[in-house]
Amino acid sequence: MSPTSGAVHPSLPISTTFEVPGTRVVESKGACFGLVVRSIGVVKGFTGGWRSMFRGEVPQYTELLEDSRRHAIDRMLDNARLLGANAIVGMRFDSSEVGSGLTEIIAYGTAVVVESDG
């Protein structure tokens, strides 16, 4: 499976806290991140815009953001591996609009080396 296919990466745990249960952090490798800039496209933008006039979820935008977050995580994992990490702690997402119809999604955290407690 390619690194950008939304694959699960069991060999590199990700935690939103600053620890990975059952391990201890022995080295910090620094910040790691994965960045994606996406456009919804004309057709999905039109149908999403039409849907947004009514109440409820806009599935076109939900799908775009879910895919973008997965892609950002995959890139963050690749970046952590390049730094020599075997885990990521303090993981977060951020997003912003960077232009007309363009959304930036970033996944970031601290790349660390962990060892088993046991």
C-alpha atoms as a PDB file:
ATOM      1  CA  MET A   1       0.000   0.000   0.000  1.00  0.00           C
ATOM      2  CA  SER A   2       1.386   3.434  -0.861  1.00  0.00           C
ATOM      3  CA  PRO A   3       2.122   5.979   1.908  1.00  0.00           C
ATOM      4  CA  THR A   4      -0.668   8.266   0.692  1.00  0.00           C
ATOM      5  CA  SER A   5      -3.412   5.684   0.415  1.00  0.00           C
ATOM      6  CA  GLY A   6      -4.825   6.148   3.912  1.00  0.00           C
ATOM      7  CA  ALA A   7      -2.995   3.047   5.166  1.00  0.00           C
ATOM      8  CA  VAL A   8      -2.768   2.194   8.831  1.00  0.00           C
ATOM      9  CA  HIS A   9       0.765   2.545  10.209  1.00  0.00           C
ATOM     10  CA  PRO A  10       0.923   0.190  13.218  1.00  0.00           C
ATOM     11  CA  SER A  11       4.730   0.404  13.424  1.00  0.00           C
ATOM     12  CA  LEU A  12       4.595   4.121  14.235  1.00  0.00           C
ATOM     13  CA  PRO A  13       2.128   4.910  17.033  1.00  0.00           C
ATOM     14  CA  ILE A  14       0.511   8.345  17.124  1.00  0.00           C
ATOM     15  CA  SER A  15      -0.776   9.862  20.349  1.00  0.00           C
ATOM     16  CA  THR A  16      -2.606  13.123  20.997  1.00  0.00           C
ATOM     17  CA  THR A  17      -1.192  13.030  24.523  1.00  0.00           C
ATOM     18  CA  PHE A  18       2.501  13.377  25.304  1.00  0.00           C
ATOM     19  CA  GLU A  19       3.034   9.702  25.986  1.00  0.00           C
ATOM     20  CA  VAL A  20       2.439   6.340  24.342  1.00  0.00           C
ATOM     21  CA  PRO A  21       1.007   3.850  26.858  1.00  0.00           C
ATOM     22  CA  GLY A  22       3.427   1.076  27.748  1.00  0.00           C
ATOM     23  CA  THR A  23       6.454   3.050  26.555  1.00  0.00           C
ATOM     24  CA  ARG A  24       8.724   5.837  27.679  1.00  0.00           C
ATOM     25  CA  VAL A  25      10.132   8.618  25.518  1.00  0.00           C
ATOM     26  CA  VAL A  26      13.930   8.332  25.346  1.00  0.00           C
ATOM     27  CA  GLU A  27      14.651  10.941  22.671  1.00  0.00           C
ATOM     28  CA  SER A  28      12.879  13.828  20.976  1.00  0.00           C
ATOM     29  CA  LYS A  29      13.600  14.235  17.272  1.00  0.00           C
ATOM     30  CA  GLY A  30      11.716  17.531  16.934  1.00  0.00           C
ATOM     31  CA  ALA A  31       8.581  18.700  15.201  1.00  0.00           C
ATOM     32  CA  CYS A  32       7.125  16.664  12.370  1.00  0.00           C
ATOM     33  CA  PHE A  33       4.301  17.660  10.056  1.00  0.00           C
ATOM     34  CA  GLY A  34       2.294  16.761   7.008  1.00  0.00           C
ATOM     35  CA  LEU A  35       0.704  19.465   4.876  1.00  0.00           C
ATOM     36  CA  VAL A  36      -2.008  19.184   2.216  1.00  0.00           C
ATOM     37  CA  VAL A  37      -3.707  21.949   0.226  1.00  0.00           C
ATOM     38  CA  ARG A  38      -6.897  20.868  -1.474  1.00  0.00           C
ATOM     39  CA  SER A  39      -9.579  22.275  -3.712  1.00  0.00           C
ATOM     40  CA  ILE A  40     -13.095  20.861  -3.745  1.00  0.00           C
ATOM     41  CA  GLY A  41     -13.382  21.195  -7.530  1.00  0.00           C
ATOM     42  CA  VAL A  42     -16.124  22.724  -9.652  1.00  0.00           C
ATOM     43  CA  VAL A  43     -18.685  19.891  -9.626  1.00  0.00           C
ATOM     44  CA  LYS A  44     -18.400  19.002  -5.942  1.00  0.00           C
ATOM     45  CA  GLY A  45     -18.227  22.714  -5.087  1.00  0.00           C
ATOM     46  CA  PHE A  46     -21.451  23.366  -6.956  1.00  0.00           C
ATOM     47  CA  THR A  47     -23.314  20.411  -5.437  1.00  0.00           C
ATOM     48  CA  GLY A  48     -21.810  21.140  -1.994  1.00  0.00           C
ATOM     49  CA  GLY A  49     -22.827  24.794  -2.287  1.00  0.00           C
ATOM     50  CA  TRP A  50     -26.338  23.755  -3.274  1.00  0.00           C
ATOM     51  CA  ARG A  51     -26.528  21.338  -0.311  1.00  0.00           C
ATOM     52  CA  SER A  52     -25.255  23.979   2.101  1.00  0.00           C
ATOM     53  CA  MET A  53     -28.385  26.045   1.471  1.00  0.00           C
ATOM     54  CA  PHE A  54     -30.281  23.393   3.416  1.00  0.00           C
ATOM     55  CA  ARG A  55     -29.736  22.149   6.937  1.00  0.00           C
ATOM     56  CA  GLY A  56     -27.568  19.173   7.703  1.00  0.00           C
ATOM     57  CA  GLU A  57     -24.259  17.687   6.701  1.00  0.00           C
ATOM     58  CA  VAL A  58     -22.623  18.521   3.381  1.00  0.00           C
ATOM     59  CA  PRO A  59     -21.118  15.142   2.435  1.00  0.00           C
ATOM     60  CA  GLN A  60     -18.957  16.569  -0.367  1.00  0.00           C
ATOM     61  CA  TYR A  61     -17.017  18.710   2.126  1.00  0.00           C
ATOM     62  CA  THR A  62     -16.931  15.995   4.795  1.00  0.00           C
ATOM     63  CA  GLU A  63     -15.374  13.532   2.333  1.00  0.00           C
ATOM     64  CA  LEU A  64     -12.809  16.120   1.180  1.00  0.00           C
ATOM     65  CA  LEU A  65     -11.736  16.923   4.739  1.00  0.00           C
ATOM     66  CA  GLU A  66     -11.557  13.266   5.809  1.00  0.00           C
ATOM     67  CA  ASP A  67      -9.372  12.399   2.806  1.00  0.00           C
ATOM     68  CA  SER A  68      -7.203  15.473   3.388  1.00  0.00           C
ATOM     69  CA  ARG A  69      -6.643  14.599   7.058  1.00  0.00           C
ATOM     70  CA  ARG A  70      -5.640  11.038   6.149  1.00  0.00           C
ATOM     71  CA  HIS A  71      -3.232  12.372   3.535  1.00  0.00           C
ATOM     72  CA  ALA A  72      -1.760  14.878   6.027  1.00  0.00           C
ATOM     73  CA  ILE A  73      -1.256  12.084   8.591  1.00  0.00           C
ATOM     74  CA  ASP A  74       0.517   9.923   5.996  1.00  0.00           C
ATOM     75  CA  ARG A  75       2.863  12.807   5.162  1.00  0.00           C
ATOM     76  CA  MET A  76       3.486  13.495   8.866  1.00  0.00           C
ATOM     77  CA  LEU A  77       4.385   9.822   9.385  1.00  0.00           C
ATOM     78  CA  ASP A  78       6.822   9.950   6.464  1.00  0.00           C
ATOM     79  CA  ASN A  79       8.402  13.099   7.949  1.00  0.00           C
ATOM     80  CA  ALA A  80       8.738  11.465  11.402  1.00  0.00           C
ATOM     81  CA  ARG A  81      10.422   8.417   9.865  1.00  0.00           C
ATOM     82  CA  LEU A  82      12.897  10.686   8.040  1.00  0.00           C
ATOM     83  CA  LEU A  83      13.770  12.218  11.411  1.00  0.00           C
ATOM     84  CA  GLY A  84      14.463   8.748  12.842  1.00  0.00           C
ATOM     85  CA  ALA A  85      11.410   8.572  15.108  1.00  0.00           C
ATOM     86  CA  ASN A  86       9.394   5.490  15.984  1.00  0.00           C
ATOM     87  CA  ALA A  87       6.394   7.371  17.443  1.00  0.00           C
ATOM     88  CA  ILE A  88       4.626  10.737  17.389  1.00  0.00           C
ATOM     89  CA  VAL A  89       3.256  12.439  20.498  1.00  0.00           C
ATOM     90  CA  GLY A  90       1.184  15.593  20.934  1.00  0.00           C
ATOM     91  CA  MET A  91      -0.406  15.139  17.501  1.00  0.00           C
ATOM     92  CA  ARG A  92      -2.840  17.844  16.360  1.00  0.00           C
ATOM     93  CA  PHE A  93      -4.630  19.066  13.239  1.00  0.00           C
ATOM     94  CA  ASP A  94      -5.017  22.600  11.999  1.00  0.00           C
ATOM     95  CA  SER A  95      -6.722  23.980   8.934  1.00  0.00           C
ATOM     96  CA  SER A  96      -7.234  27.274   7.207  1.00  0.00           C
ATOM     97  CA  GLU A  97      -8.436  28.729   3.963  1.00  0.00           C
ATOM     98  CA  VAL A  98      -5.466  29.797   1.850  1.00  0.00           C
ATOM     99  CA  GLY A  99      -7.303  31.080  -1.186  1.00  0.00           C
ATOM    100  CA  SER A 100     -10.588  31.009  -2.969  1.00  0.00           C
ATOM    101  CA  GLY A 101     -11.757  27.418  -2.658  1.00  0.00           C
ATOM    102  CA  LEU A 102      -8.422  26.170  -1.275  1.00  0.00           C
ATOM    103  CA  THR A 103      -8.108  24.605   2.157  1.00  0.00           C
ATOM    104  CA  GLU A 104      -4.854  23.846   3.963  1.00  0.00           C
ATOM    105  CA  ILE A 105      -4.841  20.876   6.348  1.00  0.00           C
ATOM    106  CA  ILE A 106      -1.806  20.225   8.533  1.00  0.00           C
ATOM    107  CA  ALA A 107      -1.147  17.341  10.888  1.00  0.00           C
ATOM    108  CA  TYR A 108       1.701  17.968  13.312  1.00  0.00           C
ATOM    109  CA  GLY A 109       3.276  16.613  16.443  1.00  0.00           C
ATOM    110  CA  THR A 110       6.571  15.747  18.072  1.00  0.00           C
ATOM    111  CA  ALA A 111       8.622  12.946  16.550  1.00  0.00           C
ATOM    112  CA  VAL A 112      10.100  10.817  19.337  1.00  0.00           C
ATOM    113  CA  VAL A 113      11.927   7.593  19.982  1.00  0.00           C
ATOM    114  CA  VAL A 114      10.146   5.393  22.517  1.00  0.00           C
ATOM    115  CA  GLU A 115      11.154   2.197  24.274  1.00  0.00           C
ATOM    116  CA  SER A 116       8.956  -0.380  25.945  1.00  0.00           C
ATOM    117  CA  ASP A 117       8.397   0.022  29.690  1.00  0.00           C
ATOM    118  CA  GLY A 118       8.554  -3.734  30.158  1.00  0.00           C
END
